[in-house]
Protein backbone atom coordinates (compact mmCIF):
# COMPACT_ATOMS: atom_id res chain seq x y z
CA MET A 1 190.51 102.65 -98.00
CA ASP A 2 192.09 99.09 -97.77
CA ILE A 3 189.30 96.79 -98.71
CA LYS A 4 188.44 95.71 -95.46
CA GLU A 5 187.46 99.50 -94.79
CA GLN A 6 185.82 99.52 -98.12
CA ILE A 7 183.57 96.58 -96.98
CA LYS A 8 182.43 97.76 -93.54
CA GLN A 9 181.74 101.01 -95.24
CA LEU A 10 179.35 99.57 -97.55
CA ALA A 11 177.90 97.18 -95.18
CA LYS A 12 176.74 100.13 -92.90
CA GLU A 13 175.86 102.42 -96.32
CA LYS A 14 173.41 99.79 -97.26
CA ASN A 15 172.11 98.13 -93.83
CA ALA A 16 173.88 95.02 -94.10
CA VAL A 17 174.83 92.44 -92.03
CA ILE A 18 178.06 90.18 -92.73
CA LEU A 19 177.79 86.67 -91.72
CA ALA A 20 180.68 83.93 -91.71
CA HIS A 21 181.26 80.77 -90.75
CA TYR A 22 184.05 79.78 -88.94
CA TYR A 23 185.89 77.20 -91.83
CA VAL A 24 186.43 80.46 -94.40
CA ASP A 25 189.32 82.10 -94.70
CA GLY A 26 190.39 84.42 -91.29
CA ALA A 27 190.67 87.47 -93.67
CA ILE A 28 186.80 86.93 -94.15
CA GLN A 29 186.33 86.43 -90.40
CA ASP A 30 187.92 89.44 -88.75
CA ILE A 31 185.61 91.44 -91.07
CA ALA A 32 182.65 89.87 -90.14
CA ASP A 33 180.16 91.27 -87.55
CA PHE A 34 179.42 87.63 -86.88
CA VAL A 35 180.99 84.42 -86.35
CA GLY A 36 179.71 81.02 -85.75
CA ASP A 37 178.64 77.31 -86.41
CA SER A 38 175.72 76.64 -88.79
CA LEU A 39 173.51 76.79 -85.82
CA ALA A 40 174.52 80.04 -84.81
CA LEU A 41 174.60 81.67 -87.99
CA ALA A 42 170.57 80.51 -88.82
CA GLN A 43 169.79 81.67 -85.03
CA LYS A 44 171.62 85.34 -86.14
CA ALA A 45 170.07 85.43 -89.22
CA ALA A 46 166.23 84.65 -88.11
CA GLU A 47 167.21 87.96 -85.50
CA THR A 48 168.46 90.53 -87.73
CA THR A 49 166.87 93.42 -88.85
CA ALA A 50 169.49 94.03 -91.70
CA ASP A 51 168.23 95.02 -95.05
CA ILE A 52 170.94 92.87 -96.40
CA ILE A 53 172.36 89.21 -95.06
CA VAL A 54 175.46 88.53 -96.69
CA MET A 55 176.44 85.09 -96.11
CA CYS A 56 180.31 83.90 -96.31
CA GLY A 57 179.93 80.58 -96.35
CA VAL A 58 178.62 78.03 -98.57
CA ASN A 59 175.35 78.54 -100.64
CA PHE A 60 172.92 76.15 -98.59
CA MET A 61 173.62 78.92 -95.25
CA GLY A 62 172.61 81.13 -97.81
CA GLU A 63 168.92 79.44 -98.93
CA THR A 64 168.87 78.62 -94.89
CA CYS A 65 169.01 82.65 -94.27
CA LYS A 66 166.31 83.42 -96.84
CA ILE A 67 164.18 80.71 -96.52
CA LEU A 68 164.16 82.44 -92.34
CA CYS A 69 163.92 85.93 -94.30
CA PRO A 70 162.25 85.79 -97.33
CA GLU A 71 161.84 89.65 -97.10
CA LYS A 72 165.33 90.23 -97.18
CA LYS A 73 168.03 90.39 -99.96
CA VAL A 74 170.65 87.97 -99.16
CA LEU A 75 173.63 87.62 -100.87
CA ILE A 76 176.73 85.45 -101.33
CA PRO A 77 180.26 86.03 -102.86
CA ASP A 78 180.62 82.89 -104.30
CA ALA A 79 177.66 81.59 -106.41
CA THR A 80 179.98 78.42 -107.07
CA ALA A 81 180.26 77.81 -103.31
CA THR A 82 178.56 74.25 -102.67
CA CYS A 83 178.62 71.60 -100.14
CA SER A 84 180.22 67.97 -101.11
CA LEU A 85 177.77 66.92 -98.12
CA ALA A 86 174.78 68.92 -99.82
CA GLU A 87 175.40 67.14 -103.17
CA SER A 88 175.92 64.05 -101.93
CA CYS A 89 171.98 63.85 -101.03
CA PRO A 90 169.99 64.31 -104.40
CA ALA A 91 166.61 65.45 -104.00
CA LYS A 92 164.87 62.80 -105.81
CA GLU A 93 166.76 60.08 -104.36
CA PHE A 94 166.59 61.26 -100.87
CA GLU A 95 162.46 61.45 -101.64
CA ALA A 96 162.76 57.90 -102.85
CA PHE A 97 164.62 56.85 -99.87
CA VAL A 98 161.94 58.78 -97.81
CA LYS A 99 158.76 56.91 -99.25
CA ALA A 100 160.73 53.80 -99.06
CA HIS A 101 160.94 53.95 -95.08
CA PRO A 102 156.98 54.83 -94.11
CA GLY A 103 156.22 56.49 -90.72
CA HIS A 104 159.45 57.22 -90.26
CA THR A 105 160.62 61.07 -88.75
CA VAL A 106 162.73 62.57 -91.25
CA ILE A 107 165.65 64.31 -89.54
CA SER A 108 167.91 66.05 -91.58
CA TYR A 109 171.64 67.57 -91.33
CA VAL A 110 171.75 71.42 -91.71
CA ASN A 111 173.98 70.91 -94.39
CA THR A 112 171.08 69.99 -97.58
CA SER A 113 169.90 71.94 -99.66
CA ALA A 114 166.34 73.30 -99.66
CA ASP A 115 165.03 70.55 -101.61
CA ILE A 116 165.92 68.15 -99.03
CA LYS A 117 164.98 70.24 -96.03
CA ALA A 118 161.70 70.02 -98.12
CA LEU A 119 161.17 66.38 -97.36
CA THR A 120 162.51 67.01 -94.04
CA ASP A 121 160.66 66.94 -90.48
CA VAL A 122 163.10 68.70 -88.42
CA VAL A 123 166.69 70.05 -89.26
CA VAL A 124 169.46 69.85 -87.14
CA THR A 125 173.00 70.69 -86.62
CA SER A 126 176.14 69.22 -85.60
CA SER A 127 175.76 71.27 -82.04
CA ASN A 128 172.02 70.53 -81.55
CA ALA A 129 171.66 66.90 -83.39
CA ARG A 130 171.85 64.62 -80.14
CA GLN A 131 170.03 66.79 -78.55
CA ILE A 132 166.72 67.05 -80.35
CA VAL A 133 167.30 62.98 -81.39
CA GLU A 134 167.01 62.28 -77.84
CA TYR A 135 163.74 64.81 -77.68
CA PHE A 136 162.04 62.39 -79.80
CA PRO A 137 160.42 59.34 -77.97
CA LYS A 138 162.97 56.22 -77.79
CA GLU A 139 160.68 54.09 -80.00
CA THR A 140 160.22 56.60 -82.75
CA PRO A 141 161.53 55.11 -86.08
CA ILE A 142 164.26 57.91 -87.54
CA ILE A 143 165.32 58.57 -90.62
CA PHE A 144 168.96 60.74 -90.22
CA GLY A 145 170.51 62.11 -93.40
CA PRO A 146 172.85 62.75 -95.23
CA ASP A 147 176.09 62.46 -93.27
CA GLN A 148 176.22 58.70 -92.27
CA ASN A 149 179.07 59.50 -89.81
CA LEU A 150 177.09 62.31 -87.62
CA GLY A 151 173.83 59.67 -88.09
CA GLY A 152 176.12 56.63 -87.04
CA TYR A 153 177.95 58.60 -84.00
CA ILE A 154 174.28 59.24 -82.34
CA ASN A 155 173.55 55.91 -83.13
CA SER A 156 176.39 54.88 -81.11
CA ILE A 157 176.08 57.23 -78.11
CA THR A 158 172.00 57.25 -78.20
CA GLY A 159 171.65 53.92 -78.57
CA ARG A 160 169.22 54.62 -81.12
CA GLU A 161 168.92 52.67 -84.44
CA MET A 162 168.45 55.72 -86.91
CA VAL A 163 168.07 54.37 -90.73
CA LEU A 164 171.22 56.36 -92.37
CA TRP A 165 171.29 57.95 -95.68
CA ASN A 166 175.01 57.24 -96.95
CA GLY A 167 176.50 60.79 -97.68
CA ALA A 168 179.50 62.57 -96.24
CA CYS A 169 181.43 65.44 -96.00
CA HIS A 170 184.76 65.48 -98.33
CA VAL A 171 186.86 67.34 -95.52
CA HIS A 172 186.04 65.09 -92.66
CA GLU A 173 186.27 61.84 -94.32
CA LYS A 174 189.88 62.22 -94.97
CA PHE A 175 191.53 62.70 -91.80
CA SER A 176 194.82 60.11 -91.27
CA VAL A 177 194.35 58.00 -87.96
CA GLU A 178 197.80 57.36 -89.06
CA LYS A 179 198.91 60.96 -89.47
CA ILE A 180 196.81 61.74 -86.22
CA VAL A 181 198.47 58.90 -84.31
CA ALA A 182 201.80 60.22 -85.40
CA LEU A 183 201.40 63.72 -84.36
CA LYS A 184 200.25 62.28 -80.68
CA LYS A 185 203.46 60.77 -80.66
CA GLN A 186 205.37 63.91 -81.81
CA TYR A 187 202.54 65.46 -79.03
CA PRO A 188 202.18 63.55 -76.52
CA GLU A 189 200.37 66.39 -74.43
CA ALA A 190 198.20 67.33 -77.19
CA LYS A 191 194.45 66.39 -76.67
CA VAL A 192 192.79 65.58 -80.10
CA LEU A 193 189.43 67.22 -81.16
CA VAL A 194 187.31 65.79 -83.65
CA HIS A 195 184.14 66.62 -85.41
CA PRO A 196 181.52 63.75 -85.41
CA GLU A 197 181.37 63.76 -89.35
CA CYS A 198 184.82 62.51 -89.36
CA ARG A 199 184.89 58.81 -89.49
CA GLY A 200 184.28 56.48 -86.58
CA ALA A 201 188.02 55.47 -86.39
CA VAL A 202 189.20 59.18 -85.96
CA VAL A 203 186.37 59.79 -83.76
CA LYS A 204 187.77 57.01 -81.14
CA LEU A 205 191.26 59.08 -81.08
CA ALA A 206 189.50 62.19 -79.76
CA ASP A 207 189.75 63.44 -76.14
CA LYS A 208 186.85 65.92 -77.36
CA VAL A 209 184.09 64.94 -79.61
CA GLY A 210 181.79 68.21 -81.09
CA SER A 211 180.18 70.73 -83.02
CA THR A 212 183.04 73.48 -84.03
CA ALA A 213 181.48 75.64 -81.35
CA ALA A 214 181.86 72.96 -78.58
CA LEU A 215 185.47 72.34 -80.17
CA LEU A 216 186.17 75.86 -80.04
CA LYS A 217 184.76 76.35 -76.07
CA TYR A 218 186.58 73.36 -74.73
CA SER A 219 189.85 74.51 -76.59
CA ILE A 220 189.27 77.86 -74.41
CA GLU A 221 188.50 76.27 -71.36
CA ASP A 222 190.27 73.06 -71.08
CA SER A 223 194.11 73.47 -69.09
CA ALA A 224 195.93 71.87 -71.96
CA ASP A 225 198.43 73.71 -73.98
CA THR A 226 198.41 71.86 -76.83
CA PHE A 227 195.43 70.95 -79.39
CA ILE A 228 195.42 68.38 -82.20
CA VAL A 229 192.50 69.67 -84.36
CA ALA A 230 190.30 67.33 -86.94
CA THR A 231 187.43 69.79 -88.33
CA GLU A 232 188.57 71.91 -91.48
CA SER A 233 191.28 74.04 -90.44
CA GLY A 234 189.82 77.38 -90.46
CA ILE A 235 188.37 77.79 -87.09
CA LEU A 236 192.15 77.20 -85.97
CA HIS A 237 192.15 81.74 -86.62
CA GLU A 238 189.30 81.66 -84.17
CA MET A 239 190.94 79.47 -81.94
CA GLN A 240 194.22 81.11 -81.67
CA LYS A 241 192.74 84.60 -81.16
CA LYS A 242 190.82 83.70 -78.14
CA ALA A 243 193.65 81.50 -77.14
CA PRO A 244 196.76 82.43 -78.55
CA HIS A 245 199.00 80.88 -75.61
CA LYS A 246 197.87 77.50 -76.74
CA THR A 247 199.44 75.49 -80.03
CA PHE A 248 197.20 74.43 -82.20
CA ILE A 249 197.77 71.65 -85.08
CA PRO A 250 195.46 70.73 -88.10
CA ALA A 251 194.63 67.62 -87.94
CA PRO A 252 196.23 66.07 -91.73
CA PRO A 253 194.36 64.53 -94.42
CA ASP A 254 195.29 60.62 -95.96
CA ASP A 255 195.86 61.85 -99.82
CA SER A 256 197.98 65.31 -99.53
CA THR A 257 201.49 66.24 -98.41
CA CYS A 258 199.55 69.22 -97.04
CA ALA A 259 199.57 69.40 -93.34
CA CYS A 260 196.05 70.62 -92.91
CA ASN A 261 192.59 69.92 -94.40
CA GLU A 262 190.65 72.54 -95.81
CA CYS A 263 187.24 73.17 -97.35
CA ASN A 264 187.38 73.75 -101.36
CA TYR A 265 184.17 75.58 -101.11
CA MET A 266 184.38 77.87 -98.11
CA LYS A 267 187.69 78.93 -99.06
CA LEU A 268 186.04 79.86 -102.69
CA VAL A 269 184.98 83.34 -100.31
CA THR A 270 187.53 86.12 -100.33
CA LEU A 271 187.87 89.52 -99.28
CA GLU A 272 187.31 90.73 -103.47
CA LYS A 273 184.28 88.47 -103.67
CA VAL A 274 182.70 89.78 -100.79
CA TYR A 275 183.30 94.21 -101.52
CA ASN A 276 182.18 92.69 -105.61
CA CYS A 277 178.72 91.24 -103.60
CA LEU A 278 178.20 94.12 -101.58
CA LYS A 279 178.78 96.93 -104.23
CA ASN A 280 177.05 94.86 -106.91
CA GLU A 281 173.99 93.21 -104.64
CA THR A 282 174.35 90.04 -106.52
CA PRO A 283 175.21 86.98 -106.77
CA GLU A 284 171.53 86.73 -104.77
CA ILE A 285 170.00 83.83 -103.54
CA ASN A 286 166.43 82.84 -103.96
CA VAL A 287 164.66 79.92 -103.34
CA ASP A 288 161.43 78.61 -104.75
CA GLU A 289 158.45 79.84 -102.86
CA GLU A 290 156.52 76.50 -102.31
CA ILE A 291 159.81 75.07 -101.43
CA SER A 292 160.76 77.97 -98.95
CA LYS A 293 157.14 77.71 -97.13
CA ARG A 294 158.42 73.91 -96.83
CA ALA A 295 161.48 74.24 -95.57
CA LEU A 296 160.54 76.62 -93.42
CA SER A 297 158.80 74.48 -90.57
CA PRO A 298 162.07 71.86 -89.80
CA ILE A 299 163.89 74.63 -89.67
CA LYS A 300 161.26 76.92 -87.46
CA LYS A 301 161.18 73.54 -85.25
CA MET A 302 164.87 73.33 -84.44
CA LEU A 303 164.97 76.95 -83.58
CA GLU A 304 162.13 76.37 -81.11
CA ILE A 305 163.04 72.94 -79.72
CA SER A 306 166.74 74.80 -79.20
CA ALA A 307 165.54 76.93 -77.79
CA SER A 308 163.23 74.83 -75.27
CA LEU A 309 166.55 73.05 -74.24
CA GLY A 310 168.77 76.46 -73.50
CA LEU A 311 170.90 75.27 -76.85
């Protein structure tokens, strides 16, 4: 058996489910039981009957699975796969920030540590952030963290004045306006797809702004044949699978001669690490029990609001 078959066999023997984010390598997506964005992965984890969850993504995703399923063993192929956005929001500093704005409802992007979730009233993903913000009355004072670009985008389209934590994702911060404009000149018929974690100047170039899942759906359903995609380039694998007759061009970053923009942490996940992780049942994700209890409430609230809104 090749390594993909060995992974599938191990997963079957151990009653394990393999979850993968759209940003991991295409080979990992192909062996996963379920591929999705952060919201879909959280929803899948909450309903799984497997004994073991293998989260092919980054650390905070594994933590979310463990918080939702404390009785299950949650594994992550590489324990060093953290997240630049999560790291931009240290818990002690964020706690002080919250205390400096008393009376505010705290909404945190899912790309945060369990410690930040424990300081939060409701968690959001890029798929449901706007709808959940608008779920609260307009007069509700809100702190939004840690992604200032996503928060700023929601402020701009809702008329809110949320207080924003100054954090950002290293991938989405780096897209080059000039290089996207040059690509648009080269491919004038192409539509530009942009994730709302990108800087405002990049968002203004978009034909469609949306979460990873929303951009995927748009690319399949829209009549255009060519797309310039400004999000982590791993999503192009699924786009090409779902619409093989279309052309998908990764938007390039500012600081590289590379034609695509990748998350260094997501790309730490490899087939070999998934195999070893399943075989040895390590590295395992564990979350402090008290932190886990406090972090569960905002995650459950997100899932409940999302369900009520049909998301």
